[in-house]
Amino acid sequence: MHVARGSLRSCQIFEARPGANPVPLKLGEALTIRKQLLTRIGQVRERLKASALVQEGEQPSEDPADLLREFDAMATELEHLVARINRTNLATRLPSGATLTDALAHRDALAMRQAVLRQVAVGRQTTSRASDASSTR
């Protein structure tokens, strides 16, 4: 089990695929790699769309089969990386005893609550202004 000491970004995660040698990777590094992979996947997706939109009788600038293989390899890499990150988040305990996964779920719920309350507050301000404007006419 991983115990959080100091920065959570210094927690190490390990490769857990069968037959693979464990390779330590800091959580912060894994999150950076995940972001880069998602960017690259988005780029390949756009290249795939462009290669699919070729005029009849013309050849695409890139072979769609090659692009699909590239996409598939990155999707598999992302799948393994996200699984490693999730396992680490589940095994990492905060000083309160909660897991990092628990803390992330709590953060997401707070963000959702905040967004709804802001939306309600903005709606009330808009309604209040409209009411004020109509009463001054």
N, C-alpha and C. Protein backbone atom coordinates (compact mmCIF):
# COMPACT_ATOMS: atom_id res chain seq x y z
N MET A 1 0.85 -1.17 0.00
CA MET A 1 0.00 0.00 0.00
C MET A 1 0.89 1.23 0.00
N HIS A 2 0.47 2.24 -0.76
CA HIS A 2 1.21 3.49 -0.80
C HIS A 2 0.70 4.40 0.31
N VAL A 3 1.60 5.05 1.01
CA VAL A 3 1.23 6.02 2.02
C VAL A 3 1.72 7.36 1.55
N ALA A 4 0.84 8.36 1.61
CA ALA A 4 1.22 9.69 1.14
C ALA A 4 2.13 10.34 2.17
N ARG A 5 3.28 10.72 1.75
CA ARG A 5 4.21 11.48 2.58
C ARG A 5 4.69 12.64 1.74
N GLY A 6 4.60 13.84 2.28
CA GLY A 6 5.00 15.00 1.49
C GLY A 6 3.98 15.22 0.39
N SER A 7 4.46 15.54 -0.78
CA SER A 7 3.59 15.82 -1.91
C SER A 7 2.99 14.54 -2.45
N LEU A 8 1.69 14.57 -2.75
CA LEU A 8 1.06 13.40 -3.35
C LEU A 8 1.64 13.12 -4.73
N ARG A 9 2.16 14.14 -5.37
CA ARG A 9 2.73 13.96 -6.70
C ARG A 9 4.00 13.12 -6.65
N SER A 10 4.55 12.89 -5.47
CA SER A 10 5.77 12.08 -5.38
C SER A 10 5.45 10.61 -5.15
N CYS A 11 4.18 10.25 -5.01
CA CYS A 11 3.81 8.85 -4.87
C CYS A 11 4.24 8.11 -6.13
N GLN A 12 4.75 6.91 -5.95
CA GLN A 12 5.19 6.16 -7.12
C GLN A 12 4.17 5.10 -7.48
N ILE A 13 4.01 4.91 -8.78
CA ILE A 13 3.15 3.85 -9.27
C ILE A 13 4.02 2.88 -10.05
N PHE A 14 3.57 1.64 -10.14
CA PHE A 14 4.37 0.60 -10.77
C PHE A 14 3.59 -0.09 -11.86
N GLU A 15 4.33 -0.54 -12.85
CA GLU A 15 3.74 -1.29 -13.96
C GLU A 15 3.21 -2.60 -13.40
N ALA A 16 1.98 -2.93 -13.73
CA ALA A 16 1.38 -4.14 -13.19
C ALA A 16 0.92 -5.10 -14.27
N ARG A 17 1.36 -4.88 -15.50
CA ARG A 17 0.96 -5.80 -16.57
C ARG A 17 1.72 -7.10 -16.43
N PRO A 18 1.08 -8.23 -16.69
CA PRO A 18 1.77 -9.51 -16.60
C PRO A 18 2.97 -9.54 -17.53
N GLY A 19 4.09 -10.02 -17.02
CA GLY A 19 5.29 -10.17 -17.83
C GLY A 19 6.11 -8.90 -17.94
N ALA A 20 5.61 -7.79 -17.43
CA ALA A 20 6.35 -6.53 -17.52
C ALA A 20 7.15 -6.34 -16.24
N ASN A 21 8.35 -5.81 -16.38
CA ASN A 21 9.14 -5.47 -15.21
C ASN A 21 8.54 -4.23 -14.56
N PRO A 22 8.45 -4.23 -13.22
CA PRO A 22 7.90 -3.04 -12.56
C PRO A 22 8.78 -1.82 -12.84
N VAL A 23 8.17 -0.79 -13.37
CA VAL A 23 8.89 0.44 -13.67
C VAL A 23 8.28 1.54 -12.80
N PRO A 24 9.05 2.06 -11.84
CA PRO A 24 8.47 3.11 -11.00
C PRO A 24 8.22 4.37 -11.82
N LEU A 25 7.12 5.02 -11.53
CA LEU A 25 6.74 6.23 -12.22
C LEU A 25 6.03 7.10 -11.19
N LYS A 26 6.47 8.33 -11.05
CA LYS A 26 5.80 9.21 -10.09
C LYS A 26 4.42 9.55 -10.60
N LEU A 27 3.50 9.73 -9.66
CA LEU A 27 2.12 10.01 -10.02
C LEU A 27 2.03 11.25 -10.90
N GLY A 28 2.77 12.29 -10.56
CA GLY A 28 2.76 13.51 -11.37
C GLY A 28 3.23 13.25 -12.79
N GLU A 29 4.24 12.39 -12.93
CA GLU A 29 4.73 12.04 -14.26
C GLU A 29 3.65 11.28 -15.03
N ALA A 30 2.98 10.37 -14.35
CA ALA A 30 1.92 9.59 -15.00
C ALA A 30 0.79 10.50 -15.47
N LEU A 31 0.44 11.49 -14.65
CA LEU A 31 -0.62 12.42 -15.04
C LEU A 31 -0.20 13.26 -16.25
N THR A 32 1.07 13.64 -16.29
CA THR A 32 1.59 14.38 -17.44
C THR A 32 1.55 13.52 -18.70
N ILE A 33 1.98 12.27 -18.57
CA ILE A 33 1.97 11.35 -19.72
C ILE A 33 0.54 11.14 -20.20
N ARG A 34 -0.41 11.02 -19.25
CA ARG A 34 -1.82 10.84 -19.63
C ARG A 34 -2.30 12.04 -20.44
N LYS A 35 -1.97 13.24 -20.00
CA LYS A 35 -2.38 14.45 -20.72
C LYS A 35 -1.78 14.47 -22.13
N GLN A 36 -0.49 14.12 -22.23
CA GLN A 36 0.17 14.08 -23.54
C GLN A 36 -0.46 13.03 -24.45
N LEU A 37 -0.77 11.87 -23.89
CA LEU A 37 -1.42 10.81 -24.67
C LEU A 37 -2.78 11.26 -25.19
N LEU A 38 -3.55 11.91 -24.34
CA LEU A 38 -4.87 12.38 -24.76
C LEU A 38 -4.74 13.41 -25.89
N THR A 39 -3.73 14.26 -25.80
CA THR A 39 -3.49 15.24 -26.87
C THR A 39 -3.13 14.54 -28.16
N ARG A 40 -2.21 13.57 -28.08
CA ARG A 40 -1.80 12.83 -29.28
C ARG A 40 -2.96 12.04 -29.87
N ILE A 41 -3.78 11.44 -29.02
CA ILE A 41 -4.95 10.70 -29.50
C ILE A 41 -5.89 11.65 -30.25
N GLY A 42 -6.10 12.83 -29.71
CA GLY A 42 -6.94 13.83 -30.38
C GLY A 42 -6.38 14.22 -31.75
N GLN A 43 -5.06 14.34 -31.83
CA GLN A 43 -4.42 14.68 -33.11
C GLN A 43 -4.61 13.56 -34.13
N VAL A 44 -4.43 12.33 -33.69
CA VAL A 44 -4.61 11.19 -34.60
C VAL A 44 -6.07 11.10 -35.04
N ARG A 45 -6.98 11.38 -34.13
CA ARG A 45 -8.41 11.36 -34.48
C ARG A 45 -8.68 12.37 -35.59
N GLU A 46 -8.12 13.58 -35.47
CA GLU A 46 -8.31 14.59 -36.52
C GLU A 46 -7.67 14.16 -37.84
N ARG A 47 -6.51 13.54 -37.76
CA ARG A 47 -5.86 13.04 -38.98
C ARG A 47 -6.69 11.94 -39.62
N LEU A 48 -7.32 11.09 -38.80
CA LEU A 48 -8.21 10.05 -39.33
C LEU A 48 -9.41 10.67 -40.03
N LYS A 49 -10.00 11.69 -39.42
CA LYS A 49 -11.14 12.36 -40.05
C LYS A 49 -10.72 12.96 -41.39
N ALA A 50 -9.55 13.59 -41.42
CA ALA A 50 -9.07 14.22 -42.65
C ALA A 50 -8.82 13.17 -43.73
N SER A 51 -8.30 12.02 -43.34
CA SER A 51 -8.02 10.99 -44.34
C SER A 51 -9.30 10.33 -44.84
N ALA A 52 -10.38 10.40 -44.05
CA ALA A 52 -11.65 9.83 -44.46
C ALA A 52 -12.41 10.77 -45.39
N LEU A 53 -12.08 12.06 -45.34
CA LEU A 53 -12.79 13.05 -46.16
C LEU A 53 -11.99 13.40 -47.42
N VAL A 54 -11.71 12.39 -48.20
CA VAL A 54 -10.93 12.57 -49.43
C VAL A 54 -11.90 12.49 -50.61
N GLN A 55 -11.66 13.36 -51.57
CA GLN A 55 -12.50 13.36 -52.78
C GLN A 55 -12.38 12.02 -53.50
N GLU A 56 -13.47 11.63 -54.13
CA GLU A 56 -13.49 10.37 -54.88
C GLU A 56 -12.39 10.41 -55.95
N GLY A 57 -11.64 9.32 -56.02
CA GLY A 57 -10.57 9.21 -57.00
C GLY A 57 -9.22 9.70 -56.49
N GLU A 58 -9.20 10.38 -55.35
CA GLU A 58 -7.94 10.85 -54.77
C GLU A 58 -7.49 9.90 -53.67
N GLN A 59 -6.21 9.93 -53.38
CA GLN A 59 -5.64 9.13 -52.30
C GLN A 59 -5.52 9.99 -51.05
N PRO A 60 -5.81 9.42 -49.87
CA PRO A 60 -5.61 10.18 -48.64
C PRO A 60 -4.12 10.44 -48.42
N SER A 61 -3.82 11.53 -47.75
CA SER A 61 -2.41 11.87 -47.51
C SER A 61 -1.75 10.86 -46.56
N GLU A 62 -2.56 10.21 -45.72
CA GLU A 62 -2.05 9.19 -44.80
C GLU A 62 -2.92 7.94 -44.91
N ASP A 63 -2.30 6.81 -44.72
CA ASP A 63 -3.03 5.54 -44.78
C ASP A 63 -3.91 5.41 -43.53
N PRO A 64 -5.23 5.35 -43.71
CA PRO A 64 -6.12 5.22 -42.55
C PRO A 64 -5.81 3.99 -41.69
N ALA A 65 -5.38 2.90 -42.32
CA ALA A 65 -5.06 1.68 -41.56
C ALA A 65 -3.88 1.93 -40.63
N ASP A 66 -2.87 2.68 -41.11
CA ASP A 66 -1.74 3.02 -40.25
C ASP A 66 -2.17 3.92 -39.10
N LEU A 67 -3.03 4.87 -39.41
CA LEU A 67 -3.52 5.77 -38.36
C LEU A 67 -4.34 5.01 -37.32
N LEU A 68 -5.15 4.06 -37.77
CA LEU A 68 -5.93 3.27 -36.83
C LEU A 68 -5.03 2.43 -35.93
N ARG A 69 -3.95 1.88 -36.50
CA ARG A 69 -3.00 1.11 -35.68
C ARG A 69 -2.33 2.02 -34.65
N GLU A 70 -1.95 3.22 -35.08
CA GLU A 70 -1.33 4.19 -34.17
C GLU A 70 -2.30 4.56 -33.05
N PHE A 71 -3.55 4.82 -33.43
CA PHE A 71 -4.58 5.14 -32.45
C PHE A 71 -4.77 4.00 -31.46
N ASP A 72 -4.87 2.78 -31.97
CA ASP A 72 -5.11 1.62 -31.12
C ASP A 72 -3.97 1.42 -30.12
N ALA A 73 -2.73 1.61 -30.57
CA ALA A 73 -1.59 1.46 -29.67
C ALA A 73 -1.63 2.51 -28.56
N MET A 74 -1.98 3.74 -28.92
CA MET A 74 -2.05 4.80 -27.90
C MET A 74 -3.22 4.56 -26.96
N ALA A 75 -4.35 4.07 -27.48
CA ALA A 75 -5.50 3.79 -26.62
C ALA A 75 -5.17 2.69 -25.62
N THR A 76 -4.44 1.68 -26.06
CA THR A 76 -4.01 0.61 -25.15
C THR A 76 -3.05 1.14 -24.10
N GLU A 77 -2.11 1.97 -24.52
CA GLU A 77 -1.17 2.58 -23.57
C GLU A 77 -1.91 3.43 -22.55
N LEU A 78 -2.89 4.21 -23.01
CA LEU A 78 -3.68 5.04 -22.11
C LEU A 78 -4.47 4.18 -21.12
N GLU A 79 -5.03 3.10 -21.62
CA GLU A 79 -5.80 2.19 -20.75
C GLU A 79 -4.93 1.68 -19.60
N HIS A 80 -3.71 1.22 -19.93
CA HIS A 80 -2.81 0.70 -18.89
C HIS A 80 -2.37 1.79 -17.93
N LEU A 81 -2.09 2.96 -18.46
CA LEU A 81 -1.64 4.07 -17.62
C LEU A 81 -2.74 4.51 -16.66
N VAL A 82 -3.96 4.66 -17.16
CA VAL A 82 -5.08 5.07 -16.31
C VAL A 82 -5.34 4.02 -15.23
N ALA A 83 -5.21 2.76 -15.58
CA ALA A 83 -5.38 1.70 -14.57
C ALA A 83 -4.34 1.82 -13.47
N ARG A 84 -3.09 2.12 -13.86
CA ARG A 84 -2.02 2.32 -12.87
C ARG A 84 -2.32 3.52 -11.98
N ILE A 85 -2.75 4.60 -12.59
CA ILE A 85 -3.08 5.81 -11.82
C ILE A 85 -4.21 5.51 -10.85
N ASN A 86 -5.25 4.83 -11.33
CA ASN A 86 -6.40 4.51 -10.47
C ASN A 86 -6.00 3.60 -9.31
N ARG A 87 -5.15 2.60 -9.59
CA ARG A 87 -4.70 1.71 -8.51
C ARG A 87 -3.92 2.50 -7.47
N THR A 88 -3.09 3.42 -7.92
CA THR A 88 -2.31 4.24 -7.00
C THR A 88 -3.22 5.13 -6.18
N ASN A 89 -4.20 5.76 -6.84
CA ASN A 89 -5.13 6.63 -6.12
C ASN A 89 -5.92 5.86 -5.07
N LEU A 90 -6.22 4.61 -5.37
CA LEU A 90 -6.96 3.79 -4.43
C LEU A 90 -6.08 3.34 -3.26
N ALA A 91 -4.80 3.13 -3.52
CA ALA A 91 -3.89 2.64 -2.47
C ALA A 91 -3.28 3.76 -1.65
N THR A 92 -3.32 4.98 -2.14
CA THR A 92 -2.70 6.11 -1.43
C THR A 92 -3.65 6.64 -0.38
N ARG A 93 -3.17 6.66 0.85
CA ARG A 93 -3.97 7.15 1.98
C ARG A 93 -3.51 8.55 2.38
N LEU A 94 -4.49 9.39 2.63
CA LEU A 94 -4.22 10.74 3.13
C LEU A 94 -4.09 10.68 4.65
N PRO A 95 -3.57 11.72 5.26
CA PRO A 95 -3.45 11.71 6.73
C PRO A 95 -4.78 11.47 7.43
N SER A 96 -5.89 11.83 6.80
CA SER A 96 -7.22 11.61 7.40
C SER A 96 -7.63 10.15 7.36
N GLY A 97 -6.92 9.35 6.57
CA GLY A 97 -7.27 7.94 6.41
C GLY A 97 -8.04 7.67 5.13
N ALA A 98 -8.57 8.72 4.51
CA ALA A 98 -9.30 8.55 3.25
C ALA A 98 -8.30 8.24 2.14
N THR A 99 -8.78 7.55 1.13
CA THR A 99 -7.92 7.28 -0.02
C THR A 99 -7.92 8.51 -0.93
N LEU A 100 -6.94 8.56 -1.80
CA LEU A 100 -6.89 9.64 -2.78
C LEU A 100 -8.11 9.56 -3.69
N THR A 101 -8.58 8.35 -3.99
CA THR A 101 -9.79 8.18 -4.79
C THR A 101 -10.98 8.83 -4.09
N ASP A 102 -11.10 8.62 -2.77
CA ASP A 102 -12.17 9.25 -2.01
C ASP A 102 -12.08 10.77 -2.10
N ALA A 103 -10.87 11.31 -1.96
CA ALA A 103 -10.68 12.75 -2.00
C ALA A 103 -11.03 13.32 -3.38
N LEU A 104 -10.67 12.60 -4.44
CA LEU A 104 -10.99 13.05 -5.79
C LEU A 104 -12.51 13.04 -6.02
N ALA A 105 -13.18 12.01 -5.52
CA ALA A 105 -14.64 11.94 -5.66
C ALA A 105 -15.29 13.10 -4.89
N HIS A 106 -14.76 13.39 -3.71
CA HIS A 106 -15.28 14.50 -2.91
C HIS A 106 -15.06 15.83 -3.64
N ARG A 107 -13.87 16.01 -4.20
CA ARG A 107 -13.57 17.23 -4.96
C ARG A 107 -14.55 17.40 -6.12
N ASP A 108 -14.81 16.31 -6.86
CA ASP A 108 -15.71 16.38 -7.99
C ASP A 108 -17.13 16.73 -7.56
N ALA A 109 -17.57 16.16 -6.43
CA ALA A 109 -18.91 16.46 -5.91
C ALA A 109 -18.99 17.92 -5.47
N LEU A 110 -17.95 18.43 -4.82
CA LEU A 110 -17.93 19.83 -4.42
C LEU A 110 -17.97 20.76 -5.64
N ALA A 111 -17.22 20.41 -6.67
CA ALA A 111 -17.21 21.23 -7.89
C ALA A 111 -18.60 21.25 -8.54
N MET A 112 -19.28 20.11 -8.53
CA MET A 112 -20.62 20.05 -9.10
C MET A 112 -21.58 20.91 -8.27
N ARG A 113 -21.49 20.79 -6.95
CA ARG A 113 -22.35 21.60 -6.09
C ARG A 113 -22.10 23.09 -6.31
N GLN A 114 -20.83 23.45 -6.38
CA GLN A 114 -20.46 24.85 -6.59
C GLN A 114 -21.02 25.37 -7.92
N ALA A 115 -20.92 24.57 -8.96
CA ALA A 115 -21.41 24.99 -10.28
C ALA A 115 -22.92 25.21 -10.24
N VAL A 116 -23.65 24.32 -9.58
CA VAL A 116 -25.10 24.47 -9.49
C VAL A 116 -25.46 25.71 -8.68
N LEU A 117 -24.78 25.91 -7.55
CA LEU A 117 -25.09 27.08 -6.72
C LEU A 117 -24.76 28.37 -7.45
N ARG A 118 -23.66 28.39 -8.20
CA ARG A 118 -23.33 29.59 -8.99
C ARG A 118 -24.40 29.84 -10.04
N GLN A 119 -24.86 28.77 -10.69
CA GLN A 119 -25.88 28.91 -11.72
C GLN A 119 -27.17 29.47 -11.11
N VAL A 120 -27.53 28.98 -9.93
CA VAL A 120 -28.73 29.47 -9.26
C VAL A 120 -28.54 30.93 -8.87
N ALA A 121 -27.36 31.28 -8.34
CA ALA A 121 -27.09 32.66 -7.94
C ALA A 121 -27.15 33.60 -9.13
N VAL A 122 -26.59 33.20 -10.24
CA VAL A 122 -26.64 34.03 -11.45
C VAL A 122 -28.08 34.18 -11.92
N GLY A 123 -28.84 33.11 -11.87
CA GLY A 123 -30.25 33.17 -12.26
C GLY A 123 -31.04 34.11 -11.36
N ARG A 124 -30.75 34.08 -10.08
CA ARG A 124 -31.45 34.97 -9.14
C ARG A 124 -31.08 36.41 -9.40
N GLN A 125 -29.79 36.65 -9.72
CA GLN A 125 -29.36 38.02 -10.02
C GLN A 125 -30.05 38.54 -11.27
N THR A 126 -30.14 37.69 -12.28
CA THR A 126 -30.79 38.07 -13.53
C THR A 126 -32.26 38.36 -13.30
N THR A 127 -32.92 37.50 -12.53
CA THR A 127 -34.34 37.69 -12.22
C THR A 127 -34.53 38.96 -11.40
N SER A 128 -33.65 39.19 -10.44
CA SER A 128 -33.74 40.38 -9.60
C SER A 128 -33.56 41.64 -10.43
N ARG A 129 -32.61 41.64 -11.35
CA ARG A 129 -32.38 42.81 -12.21
C ARG A 129 -33.58 43.06 -13.11
N ALA A 130 -34.14 41.98 -13.65
CA ALA A 130 -35.32 42.13 -14.52
C ALA A 130 -36.49 42.69 -13.73
N SER A 131 -36.64 42.24 -12.50
CA SER A 131 -37.71 42.72 -11.65
C SER A 131 -37.50 44.20 -11.32
N ASP A 132 -36.25 44.56 -10.99
CA ASP A 132 -35.93 45.95 -10.69
C ASP A 132 -36.19 46.84 -11.90
N ALA A 133 -35.84 46.38 -13.08
CA ALA A 133 -36.01 47.16 -14.30
C ALA A 133 -37.48 47.36 -14.61
N SER A 134 -38.30 46.35 -14.39
CA SER A 134 -39.72 46.48 -14.69
C SER A 134 -40.44 47.36 -13.68
N SER A 135 -39.95 47.41 -12.45
CA SER A 135 -40.59 48.23 -11.43
C SER A 135 -40.23 49.69 -11.58
N THR A 136 -39.15 50.02 -12.29
CA THR A 136 -38.77 51.41 -12.47
C THR A 136 -39.41 52.01 -13.71
N ARG A 137 -40.15 51.23 -14.44
CA ARG A 137 -40.79 51.75 -15.67
C ARG A 137 -42.08 52.40 -15.38
